[in-house]
Amino acid sequence: MKKPKEDYSFWTKYKRFAGTEILLYVIMVVGIIAGILIFG
C-alpha cells in the first residue's frame, strides 16, 4: 500500500464510495460465512 502525499484528495474520493464499498464487503463476508455453513 503506497501512501500518496495528497491524503485529503484520496479520502475525498474514498468517502464517496465508502458506503457502497462497506456494503459490498458485508455482502461478501456474509456470502463466505453462508458458504462455509452450507458446504462445510
PDB file of N, CA and C in Angstrom:
ATOM      1  N   MET A   1       0.850  -1.198   0.000  1.00  0.00           N
ATOM      2  CA  MET A   1       0.000   0.000   0.000  1.00  0.00           C
ATOM      3  C   MET A   1       0.885   1.247   0.000  1.00  0.00           C
ATOM      4  N   LYS A   2       0.786   2.044  -1.026  1.00  0.00           N
ATOM      5  CA  LYS A   2       1.546   3.292  -1.055  1.00  0.00           C
ATOM      6  C   LYS A   2       0.675   4.429  -0.548  1.00  0.00           C
ATOM      7  N   LYS A   3       1.289   5.335   0.192  1.00  0.00           N
ATOM      8  CA  LYS A   3       0.550   6.458   0.763  1.00  0.00           C
ATOM      9  C   LYS A   3       0.867   7.724  -0.030  1.00  0.00           C
ATOM     10  N   PRO A   4      -0.058   8.195  -0.839  1.00  0.00           N
ATOM     11  CA  PRO A   4       0.180   9.427  -1.605  1.00  0.00           C
ATOM     12  C   PRO A   4       0.239  10.636  -0.685  1.00  0.00           C
ATOM     13  N   LYS A   5       0.996  11.654  -1.119  1.00  0.00           N
ATOM     14  CA  LYS A   5       1.121  12.852  -0.286  1.00  0.00           C
ATOM     15  C   LYS A   5      -0.191  13.621  -0.244  1.00  0.00           C
ATOM     16  N   GLU A   6      -0.996  13.515  -1.292  1.00  0.00           N
ATOM     17  CA  GLU A   6      -2.300  14.182  -1.260  1.00  0.00           C
ATOM     18  C   GLU A   6      -3.313  13.285  -0.563  1.00  0.00           C
ATOM     19  N   ASP A   7      -3.174  13.191   0.755  1.00  0.00           N
ATOM     20  CA  ASP A   7      -4.042  12.304   1.515  1.00  0.00           C
ATOM     21  C   ASP A   7      -5.488  12.787   1.493  1.00  0.00           C
ATOM     22  N   TYR A   8      -5.662  14.114   1.501  1.00  0.00           N
ATOM     23  CA  TYR A   8      -7.024  14.659   1.575  1.00  0.00           C
ATOM     24  C   TYR A   8      -7.821  14.316   0.325  1.00  0.00           C
ATOM     25  N   SER A   9      -7.162  14.370  -0.859  1.00  0.00           N
ATOM     26  CA  SER A   9      -7.887  14.052  -2.092  1.00  0.00           C
ATOM     27  C   SER A   9      -8.239  12.562  -2.131  1.00  0.00           C
ATOM     28  N   PHE A  10      -7.330  11.727  -1.599  1.00  0.00           N
ATOM     29  CA  PHE A  10      -7.607  10.285  -1.550  1.00  0.00           C
ATOM     30  C   PHE A  10      -8.850  10.012  -0.713  1.00  0.00           C
ATOM     31  N   TRP A  11      -8.908  10.635   0.486  1.00  0.00           N
ATOM     32  CA  TRP A  11     -10.053  10.384   1.366  1.00  0.00           C
ATOM     33  C   TRP A  11     -11.316  11.018   0.808  1.00  0.00           C
ATOM     34  N   THR A  12     -11.184  12.130   0.089  1.00  0.00           N
ATOM     35  CA  THR A  12     -12.370  12.744  -0.518  1.00  0.00           C
ATOM     36  C   THR A  12     -12.972  11.806  -1.553  1.00  0.00           C
ATOM     37  N   LYS A  13     -12.094  11.200  -2.357  1.00  0.00           N
ATOM     38  CA  LYS A  13     -12.588  10.238  -3.356  1.00  0.00           C
ATOM     39  C   LYS A  13     -13.117   8.982  -2.670  1.00  0.00           C
ATOM     40  N   TYR A  14     -12.427   8.564  -1.611  1.00  0.00           N
ATOM     41  CA  TYR A  14     -12.781   7.292  -0.971  1.00  0.00           C
ATOM     42  C   TYR A  14     -14.125   7.391  -0.271  1.00  0.00           C
ATOM     43  N   LYS A  15     -14.378   8.517   0.418  1.00  0.00           N
ATOM     44  CA  LYS A  15     -15.625   8.641   1.176  1.00  0.00           C
ATOM     45  C   LYS A  15     -16.836   8.606   0.269  1.00  0.00           C
ATOM     46  N   ARG A  16     -16.642   9.009  -0.999  1.00  0.00           N
ATOM     47  CA  ARG A  16     -17.779   8.988  -1.933  1.00  0.00           C
ATOM     48  C   ARG A  16     -18.256   7.552  -2.157  1.00  0.00           C
ATOM     49  N   PHE A  17     -17.311   6.608  -2.173  1.00  0.00           N
ATOM     50  CA  PHE A  17     -17.665   5.210  -2.420  1.00  0.00           C
ATOM     51  C   PHE A  17     -17.609   4.354  -1.160  1.00  0.00           C
ATOM     52  N   ALA A  18     -17.360   4.983  -0.023  1.00  0.00           N
ATOM     53  CA  ALA A  18     -17.140   4.218   1.210  1.00  0.00           C
ATOM     54  C   ALA A  18     -18.366   3.391   1.571  1.00  0.00           C
ATOM     55  N   GLY A  19     -19.560   4.009   1.513  1.00  0.00           N
ATOM     56  CA  GLY A  19     -20.774   3.283   1.889  1.00  0.00           C
ATOM     57  C   GLY A  19     -21.011   2.083   1.003  1.00  0.00           C
ATOM     58  N   THR A  20     -20.849   2.258  -0.308  1.00  0.00           N
ATOM     59  CA  THR A  20     -21.055   1.150  -1.231  1.00  0.00           C
ATOM     60  C   THR A  20     -20.009   0.066  -1.009  1.00  0.00           C
ATOM     61  N   GLU A  21     -18.760   0.493  -0.758  1.00  0.00           N
ATOM     62  CA  GLU A  21     -17.688  -0.478  -0.572  1.00  0.00           C
ATOM     63  C   GLU A  21     -17.908  -1.297   0.698  1.00  0.00           C
ATOM     64  N   ILE A  22     -18.319  -0.618   1.777  1.00  0.00           N
ATOM     65  CA  ILE A  22     -18.604  -1.324   3.028  1.00  0.00           C
ATOM     66  C   ILE A  22     -19.742  -2.324   2.814  1.00  0.00           C
ATOM     67  N   LEU A  23     -20.761  -1.896   2.075  1.00  0.00           N
ATOM     68  CA  LEU A  23     -21.891  -2.788   1.801  1.00  0.00           C
ATOM     69  C   LEU A  23     -21.430  -4.012   1.018  1.00  0.00           C
ATOM     70  N   LEU A  24     -20.555  -3.806   0.020  1.00  0.00           N
ATOM     71  CA  LEU A  24     -20.041  -4.934  -0.759  1.00  0.00           C
ATOM     72  C   LEU A  24     -19.225  -5.875   0.123  1.00  0.00           C
ATOM     73  N   TYR A  25     -18.412  -5.309   1.028  1.00  0.00           N
ATOM     74  CA  TYR A  25     -17.621  -6.155   1.924  1.00  0.00           C
ATOM     75  C   TYR A  25     -18.524  -6.971   2.844  1.00  0.00           C
ATOM     76  N   VAL A  26     -19.587  -6.338   3.356  1.00  0.00           N
ATOM     77  CA  VAL A  26     -20.514  -7.049   4.244  1.00  0.00           C
ATOM     78  C   VAL A  26     -21.178  -8.196   3.497  1.00  0.00           C
ATOM     79  N   ILE A  27     -21.638  -7.938   2.265  1.00  0.00           N
ATOM     80  CA  ILE A  27     -22.279  -8.981   1.472  1.00  0.00           C
ATOM     81  C   ILE A  27     -21.294 -10.114   1.198  1.00  0.00           C
ATOM     82  N   MET A  28     -20.023  -9.757   0.892  1.00  0.00           N
ATOM     83  CA  MET A  28     -19.021 -10.767   0.602  1.00  0.00           C
ATOM     84  C   MET A  28     -18.751 -11.632   1.825  1.00  0.00           C
ATOM     85  N   VAL A  29     -18.604 -10.989   3.001  1.00  0.00           N
ATOM     86  CA  VAL A  29     -18.329 -11.744   4.231  1.00  0.00           C
ATOM     87  C   VAL A  29     -19.505 -12.652   4.570  1.00  0.00           C
ATOM     88  N   VAL A  30     -20.723 -12.128   4.451  1.00  0.00           N
ATOM     89  CA  VAL A  30     -21.909 -12.949   4.729  1.00  0.00           C
ATOM     90  C   VAL A  30     -21.982 -14.123   3.759  1.00  0.00           C
ATOM     91  N   GLY A  31     -21.647 -13.864   2.498  1.00  0.00           N
ATOM     92  CA  GLY A  31     -21.657 -14.944   1.499  1.00  0.00           C
ATOM     93  C   GLY A  31     -20.634 -16.027   1.824  1.00  0.00           C
ATOM     94  N   ILE A  32     -19.450 -15.615   2.268  1.00  0.00           N
ATOM     95  CA  ILE A  32     -18.414 -16.591   2.624  1.00  0.00           C
ATOM     96  C   ILE A  32     -18.861 -17.420   3.829  1.00  0.00           C
ATOM     97  N   ILE A  33     -19.398 -16.742   4.841  1.00  0.00           N
ATOM     98  CA  ILE A  33     -19.846 -17.463   6.040  1.00  0.00           C
ATOM     99  C   ILE A  33     -20.980 -18.425   5.681  1.00  0.00           C
ATOM    100  N   ALA A  34     -21.930 -17.963   4.857  1.00  0.00           N
ATOM    101  CA  ALA A  34     -23.043 -18.834   4.447  1.00  0.00           C
ATOM    102  C   ALA A  34     -22.507 -20.030   3.657  1.00  0.00           C
ATOM    103  N   GLY A  35     -21.518 -19.782   2.790  1.00  0.00           N
ATOM    104  CA  GLY A  35     -20.933 -20.884   2.013  1.00  0.00           C
ATOM    105  C   GLY A  35     -20.253 -21.901   2.915  1.00  0.00           C
ATOM    106  N   ILE A  36     -19.561 -21.421   3.936  1.00  0.00           N
ATOM    107  CA  ILE A  36     -18.889 -22.354   4.873  1.00  0.00           C
ATOM    108  C   ILE A  36     -19.950 -23.157   5.635  1.00  0.00           C
ATOM    109  N   LEU A  37     -21.014 -22.495   6.060  1.00  0.00           N
ATOM    110  CA  LEU A  37     -22.058 -23.194   6.820  1.00  0.00           C
ATOM    111  C   LEU A  37     -22.773 -24.217   5.951  1.00  0.00           C
ATOM    112  N   ILE A  38     -23.029 -23.855   4.687  1.00  0.00           N
ATOM    113  CA  ILE A  38     -23.796 -24.751   3.810  1.00  0.00           C
ATOM    114  C   ILE A  38     -22.929 -25.927   3.337  1.00  0.00           C
ATOM    115  N   PHE A  39     -21.703 -25.608   2.868  1.00  0.00           N
ATOM    116  CA  PHE A  39     -20.863 -26.650   2.257  1.00  0.00           C
ATOM    117  C   PHE A  39     -19.877 -27.259   3.252  1.00  0.00           C
ATOM    118  N   GLY A  40     -19.764 -26.687   4.417  1.00  0.00           N
ATOM    119  CA  GLY A  40     -18.744 -27.151   5.363  1.00  0.00           C
ATOM    120  C   GLY A  40     -19.325 -28.077   6.377  1.00  0.00           C
TER     121      GLY A  40
END
